């Protein structure tokens, strides 16, 4: 029996296991392995190169983790790094190995900066983001959204209270800042339109 203090018995030999468990040890004999011929040296693979042809850089800089000697032969170019988020990500690649937590924490920070910038840009566009529909909350109607989150045994209950703050917090903060900025602009423009002397006279009257 596992997880007991008694010393476990010796494992049965190969033949006993094979006779008791159908198919046990099917790959122990190299001659029985379907991939065995490909494991031998000198097998013709059909490749026409010793090292694959490398994708040209065309003068652009591509990120490479410090533990790699060179870029992979093929790399992505669809989403080049840019702005503050790009600087954070480049720093993560240039300074920290993929085995260090700082590497991944910086990449997460760059992702959050990128997401925040995208949200702010959407506020000044003709079609701003809709946080209600994008969270999928409308699709939860009729699917017990409250009871499913409060049932015993859920492992995410410890941070459930934070989720609305994380999701709605940036939008609320953005609205407050926009309202404050609009009020400051109106206060700065209004005295100029009415004229300083007239405004002072109205206040004294």
N, C-alpha and C. Protein backbone atom coordinates (compact mmCIF):
# COMPACT_ATOMS: atom_id res chain seq x y z
N UNK A 1 0.84 -1.20 0.00
CA UNK A 1 0.00 0.00 0.00
C UNK A 1 0.89 1.26 0.00
N UNK A 2 0.55 2.25 -0.79
CA UNK A 2 1.35 3.48 -0.79
C UNK A 2 1.06 4.33 0.42
N UNK A 3 1.96 5.26 0.70
CA UNK A 3 1.84 6.25 1.77
C UNK A 3 1.72 5.60 3.14
N UNK A 4 2.39 4.49 3.35
CA UNK A 4 2.44 3.87 4.67
C UNK A 4 3.89 3.78 5.11
N UNK A 5 4.08 3.47 6.41
CA UNK A 5 5.43 3.40 6.96
C UNK A 5 6.13 2.10 6.61
N UNK A 6 5.37 1.08 6.19
CA UNK A 6 6.00 -0.20 5.90
C UNK A 6 6.86 -0.10 4.64
N UNK A 7 7.94 -0.88 4.63
CA UNK A 7 8.81 -0.92 3.47
C UNK A 7 8.07 -1.59 2.31
N UNK A 8 8.03 -0.94 1.16
CA UNK A 8 7.33 -1.56 0.04
C UNK A 8 8.07 -2.77 -0.48
N UNK A 9 7.33 -3.68 -1.07
CA UNK A 9 7.94 -4.87 -1.63
C UNK A 9 8.72 -4.55 -2.89
N UNK A 10 9.57 -5.45 -3.28
CA UNK A 10 10.37 -5.25 -4.48
C UNK A 10 9.47 -5.30 -5.71
N UNK A 11 9.82 -4.52 -6.72
CA UNK A 11 9.04 -4.51 -7.95
C UNK A 11 9.16 -5.85 -8.65
N UNK A 12 8.07 -6.33 -9.24
CA UNK A 12 8.14 -7.60 -9.97
C UNK A 12 9.10 -7.49 -11.14
N UNK A 13 9.57 -8.60 -11.60
CA UNK A 13 10.50 -8.57 -12.72
C UNK A 13 9.75 -8.28 -14.03
N UNK A 14 10.52 -8.13 -15.10
CA UNK A 14 9.97 -7.71 -16.39
C UNK A 14 8.90 -8.67 -16.89
N UNK A 15 9.19 -9.95 -16.86
CA UNK A 15 8.26 -10.93 -17.41
C UNK A 15 6.97 -11.00 -16.60
N UNK A 16 7.08 -10.86 -15.27
CA UNK A 16 5.88 -10.91 -14.44
C UNK A 16 4.96 -9.73 -14.74
N UNK A 17 5.55 -8.55 -14.91
CA UNK A 17 4.74 -7.39 -15.24
C UNK A 17 4.11 -7.53 -16.63
N UNK A 18 4.86 -8.04 -17.59
CA UNK A 18 4.31 -8.19 -18.94
C UNK A 18 3.17 -9.20 -18.97
N UNK A 19 3.28 -10.26 -18.18
CA UNK A 19 2.23 -11.27 -18.17
C UNK A 19 0.99 -10.78 -17.43
N UNK A 20 1.18 -9.87 -16.47
CA UNK A 20 0.05 -9.39 -15.68
C UNK A 20 -0.64 -8.19 -16.30
N UNK A 21 0.12 -7.32 -16.97
CA UNK A 21 -0.42 -6.08 -17.53
C UNK A 21 -0.29 -6.15 -19.05
N UNK A 22 -1.40 -6.25 -19.77
CA UNK A 22 -1.32 -6.32 -21.23
C UNK A 22 -0.67 -5.07 -21.82
N UNK A 23 0.34 -5.24 -22.63
CA UNK A 23 1.00 -4.13 -23.28
C UNK A 23 2.12 -3.50 -22.48
N UNK A 24 2.36 -3.96 -21.24
CA UNK A 24 3.41 -3.35 -20.44
C UNK A 24 4.77 -3.59 -21.08
N UNK A 25 5.60 -2.57 -21.11
CA UNK A 25 6.94 -2.70 -21.65
C UNK A 25 6.99 -2.83 -23.15
N UNK A 26 5.96 -2.31 -23.84
CA UNK A 26 5.91 -2.46 -25.29
C UNK A 26 7.06 -1.74 -25.98
N UNK A 27 7.59 -0.70 -25.34
CA UNK A 27 8.68 0.05 -25.98
C UNK A 27 10.04 -0.23 -25.34
N UNK A 28 10.12 -1.24 -24.53
CA UNK A 28 11.41 -1.53 -23.89
C UNK A 28 12.41 -2.13 -24.87
N UNK A 29 11.93 -2.89 -25.81
CA UNK A 29 12.81 -3.46 -26.82
C UNK A 29 12.87 -2.51 -28.01
N UNK A 30 14.06 -2.00 -28.37
CA UNK A 30 14.13 -1.06 -29.49
C UNK A 30 13.53 -1.60 -30.78
N UNK A 31 13.60 -2.88 -30.96
CA UNK A 31 13.05 -3.44 -32.20
C UNK A 31 11.53 -3.33 -32.26
N UNK A 32 10.88 -3.15 -31.10
CA UNK A 32 9.43 -3.03 -31.06
C UNK A 32 8.94 -1.59 -31.15
N UNK A 33 9.86 -0.64 -31.12
CA UNK A 33 9.44 0.77 -31.13
C UNK A 33 9.27 1.25 -32.56
N UNK A 34 8.11 1.84 -32.89
CA UNK A 34 7.93 2.34 -34.27
C UNK A 34 8.94 3.41 -34.65
N UNK A 35 9.42 4.18 -33.68
CA UNK A 35 10.37 5.26 -33.99
C UNK A 35 11.82 4.80 -33.96
N UNK A 36 12.06 3.53 -33.71
CA UNK A 36 13.44 3.05 -33.51
C UNK A 36 14.35 3.34 -34.71
N UNK A 37 13.92 3.10 -35.94
CA UNK A 37 14.87 3.38 -37.04
C UNK A 37 15.31 4.83 -37.10
N UNK A 38 14.42 5.77 -36.75
CA UNK A 38 14.77 7.19 -36.81
C UNK A 38 15.74 7.59 -35.70
N UNK A 39 15.91 6.74 -34.72
CA UNK A 39 16.81 7.07 -33.62
C UNK A 39 18.26 6.73 -33.94
N UNK A 40 18.50 6.08 -35.04
CA UNK A 40 19.84 5.65 -35.38
C UNK A 40 20.57 6.72 -36.19
N UNK A 41 21.88 6.87 -36.02
CA UNK A 41 22.63 7.85 -36.82
C UNK A 41 22.74 7.40 -38.28
N UNK A 42 22.87 8.37 -39.14
CA UNK A 42 23.04 8.08 -40.55
C UNK A 42 21.76 7.89 -41.32
N UNK A 43 20.61 8.04 -40.68
CA UNK A 43 19.33 7.88 -41.37
C UNK A 43 19.08 9.11 -42.24
N UNK A 44 18.68 8.93 -43.46
CA UNK A 44 18.36 10.03 -44.36
C UNK A 44 17.04 10.67 -43.94
N UNK A 45 17.09 11.95 -43.60
CA UNK A 45 15.89 12.67 -43.18
C UNK A 45 15.20 13.39 -44.31
N UNK A 46 15.88 13.60 -45.41
CA UNK A 46 15.29 14.34 -46.51
C UNK A 46 15.52 15.84 -46.44
N UNK A 47 16.14 16.33 -45.35
CA UNK A 47 16.41 17.76 -45.22
C UNK A 47 17.50 18.17 -46.21
N UNK A 48 17.32 19.32 -46.83
CA UNK A 48 18.30 19.80 -47.81
C UNK A 48 19.26 20.81 -47.20
N UNK A 49 19.30 20.91 -45.87
CA UNK A 49 20.17 21.87 -45.24
C UNK A 49 20.76 21.27 -43.97
N UNK A 50 21.92 21.78 -43.57
CA UNK A 50 22.49 21.45 -42.28
C UNK A 50 21.95 22.37 -41.20
N UNK A 51 21.70 23.63 -41.56
CA UNK A 51 21.08 24.60 -40.66
C UNK A 51 20.02 25.32 -41.49
N UNK A 52 18.80 25.45 -40.97
CA UNK A 52 17.73 26.05 -41.79
C UNK A 52 18.04 27.48 -42.20
N UNK A 53 17.52 27.85 -43.33
CA UNK A 53 17.71 29.22 -43.83
C UNK A 53 17.10 30.23 -42.88
N UNK A 54 17.88 31.25 -42.52
CA UNK A 54 17.42 32.21 -41.53
C UNK A 54 16.58 33.32 -42.17
N UNK A 55 15.59 33.73 -41.45
CA UNK A 55 14.76 34.84 -41.88
C UNK A 55 15.56 36.14 -41.78
N UNK A 56 15.53 36.98 -42.80
CA UNK A 56 16.32 38.22 -42.73
C UNK A 56 15.75 39.20 -41.72
N UNK A 57 16.65 39.93 -41.06
CA UNK A 57 16.23 40.93 -40.07
C UNK A 57 15.77 42.23 -40.74
N UNK A 58 16.32 42.54 -41.90
CA UNK A 58 15.99 43.77 -42.61
C UNK A 58 16.22 45.02 -41.76
N UNK A 59 17.28 44.98 -40.96
CA UNK A 59 17.66 46.13 -40.16
C UNK A 59 16.87 46.34 -38.89
N UNK A 60 15.85 45.52 -38.63
CA UNK A 60 15.03 45.69 -37.43
C UNK A 60 15.64 44.91 -36.26
N UNK A 61 15.34 45.36 -35.07
CA UNK A 61 15.83 44.71 -33.86
C UNK A 61 14.78 43.72 -33.36
N UNK A 62 15.20 42.52 -33.07
CA UNK A 62 14.30 41.53 -32.52
C UNK A 62 14.81 41.08 -31.16
N UNK A 63 13.87 40.82 -30.24
CA UNK A 63 14.21 40.47 -28.88
C UNK A 63 14.75 39.04 -28.82
N UNK A 64 15.75 38.85 -27.96
CA UNK A 64 16.33 37.53 -27.77
C UNK A 64 16.71 37.38 -26.31
N UNK A 65 16.28 36.30 -25.69
CA UNK A 65 16.62 36.07 -24.30
C UNK A 65 18.13 35.88 -24.15
N UNK A 66 18.65 36.26 -23.01
CA UNK A 66 20.10 36.30 -22.81
C UNK A 66 20.72 34.90 -22.82
N UNK A 67 19.94 33.86 -22.54
CA UNK A 67 20.53 32.53 -22.53
C UNK A 67 20.64 31.92 -23.93
N UNK A 68 20.09 32.58 -24.94
CA UNK A 68 20.19 32.09 -26.31
C UNK A 68 21.32 32.83 -27.03
N UNK A 69 22.12 32.07 -27.76
CA UNK A 69 23.26 32.67 -28.44
C UNK A 69 22.83 33.49 -29.64
N UNK A 70 21.74 33.08 -30.30
CA UNK A 70 21.30 33.78 -31.50
C UNK A 70 19.80 33.66 -31.63
N UNK A 71 19.25 34.44 -32.53
CA UNK A 71 17.82 34.35 -32.80
C UNK A 71 17.49 33.01 -33.45
N UNK A 72 16.27 32.57 -33.26
CA UNK A 72 15.81 31.39 -33.97
C UNK A 72 15.74 31.71 -35.46
N UNK A 73 15.84 30.70 -36.33
CA UNK A 73 15.82 30.98 -37.77
C UNK A 73 14.57 31.71 -38.23
N UNK A 74 13.44 31.45 -37.59
CA UNK A 74 12.20 32.12 -37.94
C UNK A 74 11.66 32.82 -36.69
N UNK A 75 11.18 34.03 -36.84
CA UNK A 75 10.66 34.81 -35.72
C UNK A 75 9.50 35.66 -36.22
N UNK A 76 8.68 36.10 -35.28
CA UNK A 76 7.51 36.88 -35.63
C UNK A 76 7.82 38.36 -35.82
N UNK A 77 7.09 38.99 -36.73
CA UNK A 77 7.25 40.43 -36.98
C UNK A 77 5.90 41.15 -37.02
N UNK A 78 4.83 40.44 -36.69
CA UNK A 78 3.49 41.03 -36.84
C UNK A 78 3.21 42.10 -35.80
N UNK A 79 3.73 41.93 -34.58
CA UNK A 79 3.47 42.88 -33.50
C UNK A 79 4.78 43.40 -32.93
N UNK A 80 5.45 44.31 -33.61
CA UNK A 80 6.71 44.84 -33.07
C UNK A 80 6.47 45.64 -31.80
N UNK A 81 7.45 45.62 -30.92
CA UNK A 81 7.34 46.35 -29.66
C UNK A 81 7.39 47.84 -29.92
N UNK A 82 6.66 48.60 -29.10
CA UNK A 82 6.62 50.04 -29.28
C UNK A 82 6.30 50.70 -27.95
N UNK A 83 6.69 51.95 -27.83
CA UNK A 83 6.32 52.77 -26.69
C UNK A 83 6.92 52.31 -25.37
N UNK A 84 6.25 52.71 -24.29
CA UNK A 84 6.72 52.38 -22.94
C UNK A 84 6.66 50.88 -22.70
N UNK A 85 5.59 50.23 -23.14
CA UNK A 85 5.48 48.79 -22.94
C UNK A 85 6.59 48.06 -23.68
N UNK A 86 6.95 48.53 -24.86
CA UNK A 86 8.05 47.91 -25.59
C UNK A 86 9.37 48.06 -24.88
N UNK A 87 9.60 49.23 -24.28
CA UNK A 87 10.85 49.44 -23.53
C UNK A 87 10.93 48.50 -22.33
N UNK A 88 9.81 48.29 -21.66
CA UNK A 88 9.80 47.37 -20.51
C UNK A 88 10.10 45.96 -20.97
N UNK A 89 9.51 45.54 -22.06
CA UNK A 89 9.72 44.17 -22.55
C UNK A 89 11.16 43.97 -23.04
N UNK A 90 11.70 44.97 -23.71
CA UNK A 90 13.09 44.85 -24.16
C UNK A 90 14.05 44.73 -22.97
N UNK A 91 13.78 45.48 -21.94
CA UNK A 91 14.62 45.41 -20.75
C UNK A 91 14.56 44.01 -20.14
N UNK A 92 13.36 43.41 -20.14
CA UNK A 92 13.22 42.05 -19.60
C UNK A 92 14.04 41.06 -20.40
N UNK A 93 14.04 41.21 -21.73
CA UNK A 93 14.79 40.29 -22.58
C UNK A 93 16.30 40.54 -22.48
N UNK A 94 16.72 41.78 -22.36
CA UNK A 94 18.13 42.11 -22.39
C UNK A 94 18.84 41.84 -21.07
N UNK A 95 18.12 41.90 -19.96
CA UNK A 95 18.78 41.86 -18.65
C UNK A 95 18.54 40.58 -17.87
N UNK A 96 17.45 39.88 -18.13
CA UNK A 96 17.10 38.75 -17.27
C UNK A 96 16.86 37.49 -18.10
N UNK A 97 17.28 36.36 -17.55
CA UNK A 97 17.07 35.08 -18.18
C UNK A 97 15.61 34.65 -18.03
N UNK A 98 15.18 33.74 -18.90
CA UNK A 98 13.82 33.23 -18.79
C UNK A 98 13.62 32.40 -17.52
N UNK A 99 14.71 32.02 -16.87
CA UNK A 99 14.60 31.29 -15.62
C UNK A 99 14.45 32.18 -14.40
N UNK A 100 14.44 33.49 -14.58
CA UNK A 100 14.32 34.42 -13.46
C UNK A 100 12.91 35.02 -13.43
N UNK A 101 12.41 35.17 -12.22
CA UNK A 101 11.06 35.71 -12.07
C UNK A 101 10.96 37.14 -12.59
N UNK A 102 12.05 37.91 -12.48
CA UNK A 102 12.02 39.30 -12.93
C UNK A 102 11.72 39.38 -14.42
N UNK A 103 12.18 38.42 -15.20
CA UNK A 103 11.91 38.41 -16.64
C UNK A 103 10.42 38.38 -16.90
N UNK A 104 9.72 37.47 -16.25
CA UNK A 104 8.30 37.30 -16.51
C UNK A 104 7.48 38.39 -15.85
N UNK A 105 7.89 38.88 -14.69
CA UNK A 105 7.16 39.98 -14.05
C UNK A 105 7.23 41.24 -14.89
N UNK A 106 8.37 41.49 -15.50
CA UNK A 106 8.49 42.66 -16.37
C UNK A 106 7.63 42.50 -17.62
N UNK A 107 7.56 41.30 -18.16
CA UNK A 107 6.70 41.06 -19.32
C UNK A 107 5.23 41.27 -18.96
N UNK A 108 4.84 40.83 -17.77
CA UNK A 108 3.46 41.08 -17.31
C UNK A 108 3.21 42.57 -17.15
N UNK A 109 4.19 43.29 -16.57
CA UNK A 109 4.04 44.73 -16.41
C UNK A 109 3.92 45.42 -17.77
N UNK A 110 4.74 44.99 -18.74
CA UNK A 110 4.62 45.56 -20.08
C UNK A 110 3.26 45.29 -20.70
N UNK A 111 2.72 44.11 -20.45
CA UNK A 111 1.40 43.77 -20.97
C UNK A 111 0.33 44.68 -20.36
N UNK A 112 0.44 44.94 -19.06
CA UNK A 112 -0.55 45.80 -18.40
C UNK A 112 -0.44 47.24 -18.90
N UNK A 113 0.78 47.71 -19.12
CA UNK A 113 0.96 49.06 -19.67
C UNK A 113 0.35 49.15 -21.06
N UNK A 114 0.56 48.13 -21.87
CA UNK A 114 0.00 48.10 -23.21
C UNK A 114 -1.53 48.11 -23.17
N UNK A 115 -2.11 47.30 -22.27
CA UNK A 115 -3.57 47.24 -22.16
C UNK A 115 -4.14 48.57 -21.69
N UNK A 116 -3.46 49.20 -20.71
CA UNK A 116 -3.94 50.50 -20.23
C UNK A 116 -3.89 51.55 -21.33
N UNK A 117 -2.81 51.56 -22.10
CA UNK A 117 -2.72 52.49 -23.22
C UNK A 117 -3.81 52.27 -24.25
N UNK A 118 -4.12 50.99 -24.53
CA UNK A 118 -5.18 50.69 -25.49
C UNK A 118 -6.53 51.17 -24.98
N UNK A 119 -6.78 51.01 -23.69
CA UNK A 119 -8.04 51.51 -23.12
C UNK A 119 -8.14 53.02 -23.21
N UNK A 120 -7.04 53.70 -22.90
CA UNK A 120 -7.06 55.16 -22.96
C UNK A 120 -7.25 55.65 -24.39
N UNK A 121 -6.60 54.98 -25.36
CA UNK A 121 -6.79 55.37 -26.76
C UNK A 121 -8.22 55.14 -27.22
N UNK A 122 -8.86 54.12 -26.68
CA UNK A 122 -10.24 53.85 -27.08
C UNK A 122 -11.20 54.93 -26.60
N UNK A 123 -10.85 55.59 -25.49
CA UNK A 123 -11.74 56.63 -24.95
C UNK A 123 -11.83 57.83 -25.87
N UNK A 124 -10.80 58.08 -26.66
CA UNK A 124 -10.82 59.23 -27.57
C UNK A 124 -11.17 58.83 -28.99
N UNK A 125 -11.52 57.58 -29.19
CA UNK A 125 -11.91 57.12 -30.52
C UNK A 125 -13.42 57.22 -30.68
N UNK A 126 -13.88 56.99 -31.90
CA UNK A 126 -15.32 57.03 -32.16
C UNK A 126 -16.03 55.79 -31.64
N UNK A 127 -15.28 54.73 -31.37
CA UNK A 127 -15.88 53.50 -30.85
C UNK A 127 -15.10 53.04 -29.63
N UNK A 128 -15.36 53.63 -28.46
CA UNK A 128 -14.61 53.24 -27.26
C UNK A 128 -14.97 51.82 -26.82
N UNK A 129 -14.08 51.25 -26.03
CA UNK A 129 -14.32 49.91 -25.50
C UNK A 129 -15.56 49.90 -24.62
N UNK A 130 -16.25 48.79 -24.64
CA UNK A 130 -17.44 48.61 -23.79
C UNK A 130 -17.09 47.58 -22.72
N UNK A 131 -16.79 48.04 -21.51
CA UNK A 131 -16.34 47.09 -20.48
C UNK A 131 -17.41 46.10 -20.06
N UNK A 132 -18.69 46.45 -20.27
CA UNK A 132 -19.76 45.54 -19.86
C UNK A 132 -19.80 44.32 -20.77
N UNK A 133 -19.85 44.56 -22.07
CA UNK A 133 -19.94 43.43 -23.00
C UNK A 133 -18.62 42.67 -23.12
N UNK A 134 -17.49 43.37 -22.96
CA UNK A 134 -16.21 42.70 -23.12
C UNK A 134 -15.87 41.78 -21.97
N UNK A 135 -16.44 41.98 -20.81
CA UNK A 135 -16.21 41.08 -19.70
C UNK A 135 -17.02 39.80 -19.83
N UNK A 136 -18.02 39.79 -20.72
CA UNK A 136 -18.86 38.60 -20.89
C UNK A 136 -19.92 38.44 -19.83
N UNK A 137 -20.12 39.48 -19.01
CA UNK A 137 -21.06 39.35 -17.91
C UNK A 137 -22.50 39.21 -18.40
N UNK A 138 -22.81 39.81 -19.55
CA UNK A 138 -24.17 39.69 -20.07
C UNK A 138 -24.47 38.26 -20.51
N UNK A 139 -23.45 37.51 -20.88
CA UNK A 139 -23.66 36.13 -21.28
C UNK A 139 -23.88 35.19 -20.12
N UNK A 140 -23.73 35.70 -18.88
CA UNK A 140 -23.91 34.86 -17.71
C UNK A 140 -25.33 34.87 -17.17
N UNK A 141 -26.17 35.68 -17.76
CA UNK A 141 -27.56 35.72 -17.29
C UNK A 141 -28.20 34.35 -17.48
N UNK A 142 -28.86 33.87 -16.44
CA UNK A 142 -29.49 32.56 -16.49
C UNK A 142 -28.54 31.42 -16.21
N UNK A 143 -27.28 31.71 -15.92
CA UNK A 143 -26.31 30.65 -15.65
C UNK A 143 -25.76 30.74 -14.22
N UNK A 144 -26.59 31.23 -13.34
CA UNK A 144 -26.26 31.33 -11.91
C UNK A 144 -24.92 32.02 -11.67
N UNK A 145 -24.78 33.28 -12.09
CA UNK A 145 -23.49 33.95 -11.95
C UNK A 145 -23.06 34.17 -10.51
N UNK A 146 -24.01 34.33 -9.60
CA UNK A 146 -23.66 34.59 -8.20
C UNK A 146 -23.40 33.29 -7.46
N UNK A 147 -24.35 32.35 -7.55
CA UNK A 147 -24.19 31.10 -6.81
C UNK A 147 -23.00 30.29 -7.30
N UNK A 148 -22.69 30.38 -8.58
CA UNK A 148 -21.55 29.63 -9.09
C UNK A 148 -20.23 30.18 -8.56
N UNK A 149 -20.21 31.45 -8.20
CA UNK A 149 -18.99 32.04 -7.67
C UNK A 149 -18.86 31.91 -6.16
N UNK A 150 -19.95 31.66 -5.49
CA UNK A 150 -19.92 31.60 -4.02
C UNK A 150 -20.04 30.18 -3.49
N UNK A 151 -20.12 29.19 -4.35
CA UNK A 151 -20.26 27.82 -3.86
C UNK A 151 -18.97 27.39 -3.16
N UNK A 152 -19.08 26.54 -2.17
CA UNK A 152 -17.88 26.08 -1.45
C UNK A 152 -16.96 25.28 -2.38
N UNK A 153 -15.68 25.41 -2.11
CA UNK A 153 -14.71 24.65 -2.85
C UNK A 153 -14.04 25.38 -3.99
N UNK A 154 -14.52 26.56 -4.35
CA UNK A 154 -13.87 27.31 -5.43
C UNK A 154 -12.53 27.85 -4.94
N UNK A 155 -11.50 27.68 -5.75
CA UNK A 155 -10.16 28.09 -5.32
C UNK A 155 -9.92 29.57 -5.55
N UNK A 156 -10.81 30.25 -6.30
CA UNK A 156 -10.58 31.66 -6.60
C UNK A 156 -11.40 32.60 -5.72
N UNK A 157 -12.01 32.06 -4.66
CA UNK A 157 -12.83 32.92 -3.81
C UNK A 157 -12.01 33.96 -3.06
N UNK A 158 -10.72 33.69 -2.86
CA UNK A 158 -9.90 34.63 -2.12
C UNK A 158 -9.71 35.94 -2.86
N UNK A 159 -9.72 35.89 -4.19
CA UNK A 159 -9.52 37.12 -4.95
C UNK A 159 -10.77 37.56 -5.71
N UNK A 160 -11.91 36.92 -5.41
CA UNK A 160 -13.14 37.30 -6.11
C UNK A 160 -13.50 38.76 -5.83
N UNK A 161 -13.26 39.21 -4.61
CA UNK A 161 -13.62 40.59 -4.26
C UNK A 161 -12.76 41.59 -5.03
N UNK A 162 -11.57 41.18 -5.47
CA UNK A 162 -10.70 42.09 -6.19
C UNK A 162 -11.04 42.20 -7.68
N UNK A 163 -11.71 41.19 -8.22
CA UNK A 163 -11.96 41.16 -9.67
C UNK A 163 -12.72 42.38 -10.16
N UNK A 164 -13.83 42.80 -9.51
CA UNK A 164 -14.51 44.01 -9.99
C UNK A 164 -13.62 45.25 -9.95
N UNK A 165 -12.75 45.33 -8.93
CA UNK A 165 -11.87 46.49 -8.83
C UNK A 165 -10.86 46.49 -9.97
N UNK A 166 -10.30 45.32 -10.28
CA UNK A 166 -9.31 45.23 -11.33
C UNK A 166 -9.93 45.51 -12.69
N UNK A 167 -11.15 45.02 -12.90
CA UNK A 167 -11.81 45.20 -14.20
C UNK A 167 -12.36 46.61 -14.35
N UNK A 168 -13.10 47.07 -13.33
CA UNK A 168 -13.77 48.37 -13.44
C UNK A 168 -12.91 49.53 -12.97
N UNK A 169 -11.88 49.24 -12.17
CA UNK A 169 -11.07 50.31 -11.61
C UNK A 169 -10.47 51.24 -12.65
N UNK A 170 -9.81 50.73 -13.68
CA UNK A 170 -9.24 51.64 -14.69
C UNK A 170 -10.28 52.51 -15.38
N UNK A 171 -11.47 51.95 -15.60
CA UNK A 171 -12.52 52.75 -16.25
C UNK A 171 -13.03 53.85 -15.33
N UNK A 172 -13.22 53.52 -14.06
CA UNK A 172 -13.67 54.54 -13.10
C UNK A 172 -12.61 55.62 -12.95
N UNK A 173 -11.35 55.21 -12.83
CA UNK A 173 -10.28 56.19 -12.71
C UNK A 173 -10.18 57.06 -13.96
N UNK A 174 -10.32 56.43 -15.13
CA UNK A 174 -10.28 57.22 -16.36
C UNK A 174 -11.42 58.21 -16.45
N UNK A 175 -12.63 57.80 -16.00
CA UNK A 175 -13.75 58.72 -16.01
C UNK A 175 -13.55 59.89 -15.05
N UNK A 176 -13.01 59.60 -13.87
CA UNK A 176 -12.76 60.67 -12.89
C UNK A 176 -11.72 61.65 -13.43
N UNK A 177 -10.66 61.14 -14.03
CA UNK A 177 -9.64 62.02 -14.57
C UNK A 177 -10.18 62.85 -15.73
N UNK A 178 -10.99 62.22 -16.60
CA UNK A 178 -11.58 62.97 -17.71
C UNK A 178 -12.51 64.06 -17.21
N UNK A 179 -13.31 63.74 -16.19
CA UNK A 179 -14.23 64.74 -15.63
C UNK A 179 -13.45 65.89 -15.00
N UNK A 180 -12.38 65.55 -14.26
CA UNK A 180 -11.58 66.60 -13.63
C UNK A 180 -10.89 67.46 -14.67
N UNK A 181 -10.38 66.84 -15.73
CA UNK A 181 -9.72 67.60 -16.78
C UNK A 181 -10.71 68.50 -17.51
N UNK A 182 -11.92 68.00 -17.77
CA UNK A 182 -12.94 68.82 -18.41
C UNK A 182 -13.34 70.01 -17.57
N UNK A 183 -13.48 69.78 -16.26
CA UNK A 183 -13.82 70.90 -15.37
C UNK A 183 -12.72 71.95 -15.33
N UNK A 184 -11.46 71.50 -15.31
CA UNK A 184 -10.35 72.45 -15.29
C UNK A 184 -10.31 73.27 -16.58
N UNK A 185 -10.59 72.62 -17.72
CA UNK A 185 -10.60 73.35 -18.99
C UNK A 185 -11.72 74.38 -19.03
N UNK A 186 -12.89 74.01 -18.54
CA UNK A 186 -14.01 74.94 -18.53
C UNK A 186 -13.74 76.13 -17.62
N UNK A 187 -13.14 75.86 -16.47
CA UNK A 187 -12.83 76.97 -15.56
C UNK A 187 -11.78 77.90 -16.15
N UNK A 188 -10.87 77.34 -16.95
CA UNK A 188 -9.83 78.18 -17.55
C UNK A 188 -10.37 78.99 -18.72
N UNK A 189 -11.33 78.46 -19.45
CA UNK A 189 -11.86 79.13 -20.63
C UNK A 189 -12.94 80.14 -20.28
N UNK A 190 -13.75 79.88 -19.28
CA UNK A 190 -14.90 80.74 -18.98
C UNK A 190 -14.52 82.17 -18.65
N UNK A 191 -13.52 82.43 -17.79
CA UNK A 191 -13.18 83.84 -17.52
C UNK A 191 -12.69 84.58 -18.75
N UNK A 192 -11.99 83.90 -19.67
CA UNK A 192 -11.51 84.56 -20.87
C UNK A 192 -12.64 84.99 -21.78
N UNK A 193 -13.69 84.18 -21.86
CA UNK A 193 -14.82 84.51 -22.72
C UNK A 193 -15.62 85.69 -22.19
N UNK A 194 -15.79 85.74 -20.87
CA UNK A 194 -16.61 86.81 -20.29
C UNK A 194 -15.82 88.09 -20.07
N UNK A 195 -14.49 88.00 -19.99
CA UNK A 195 -13.67 89.20 -19.74
C UNK A 195 -13.44 89.39 -18.26
N UNK A 196 -12.23 89.73 -17.92
CA UNK A 196 -11.91 89.85 -16.50
C UNK A 196 -12.67 90.93 -15.80
N UNK A 197 -12.83 92.13 -16.42
CA UNK A 197 -13.52 93.27 -15.76
C UNK A 197 -14.99 92.96 -15.56
N UNK A 198 -15.66 92.42 -16.57
CA UNK A 198 -17.08 92.11 -16.44
C UNK A 198 -17.32 91.04 -15.40
N UNK A 199 -16.45 90.04 -15.37
CA UNK A 199 -16.62 88.97 -14.39
C UNK A 199 -16.44 89.52 -12.97
N UNK A 200 -15.46 90.44 -12.79
CA UNK A 200 -15.25 91.02 -11.46
C UNK A 200 -16.43 91.88 -11.06
N UNK A 201 -16.98 92.60 -12.00
CA UNK A 201 -18.13 93.46 -11.70
C UNK A 201 -19.35 92.64 -11.33
N UNK A 202 -19.56 91.52 -12.02
CA UNK A 202 -20.71 90.67 -11.68
C UNK A 202 -20.54 90.08 -10.30
N UNK A 203 -19.31 89.69 -9.92
CA UNK A 203 -19.10 89.13 -8.60
C UNK A 203 -19.36 90.18 -7.52
N UNK A 204 -18.91 91.43 -7.79
CA UNK A 204 -19.13 92.47 -6.78
C UNK A 204 -20.60 92.84 -6.64
N UNK A 205 -21.34 92.75 -7.80
CA UNK A 205 -22.78 93.07 -7.73
C UNK A 205 -23.53 91.97 -7.00
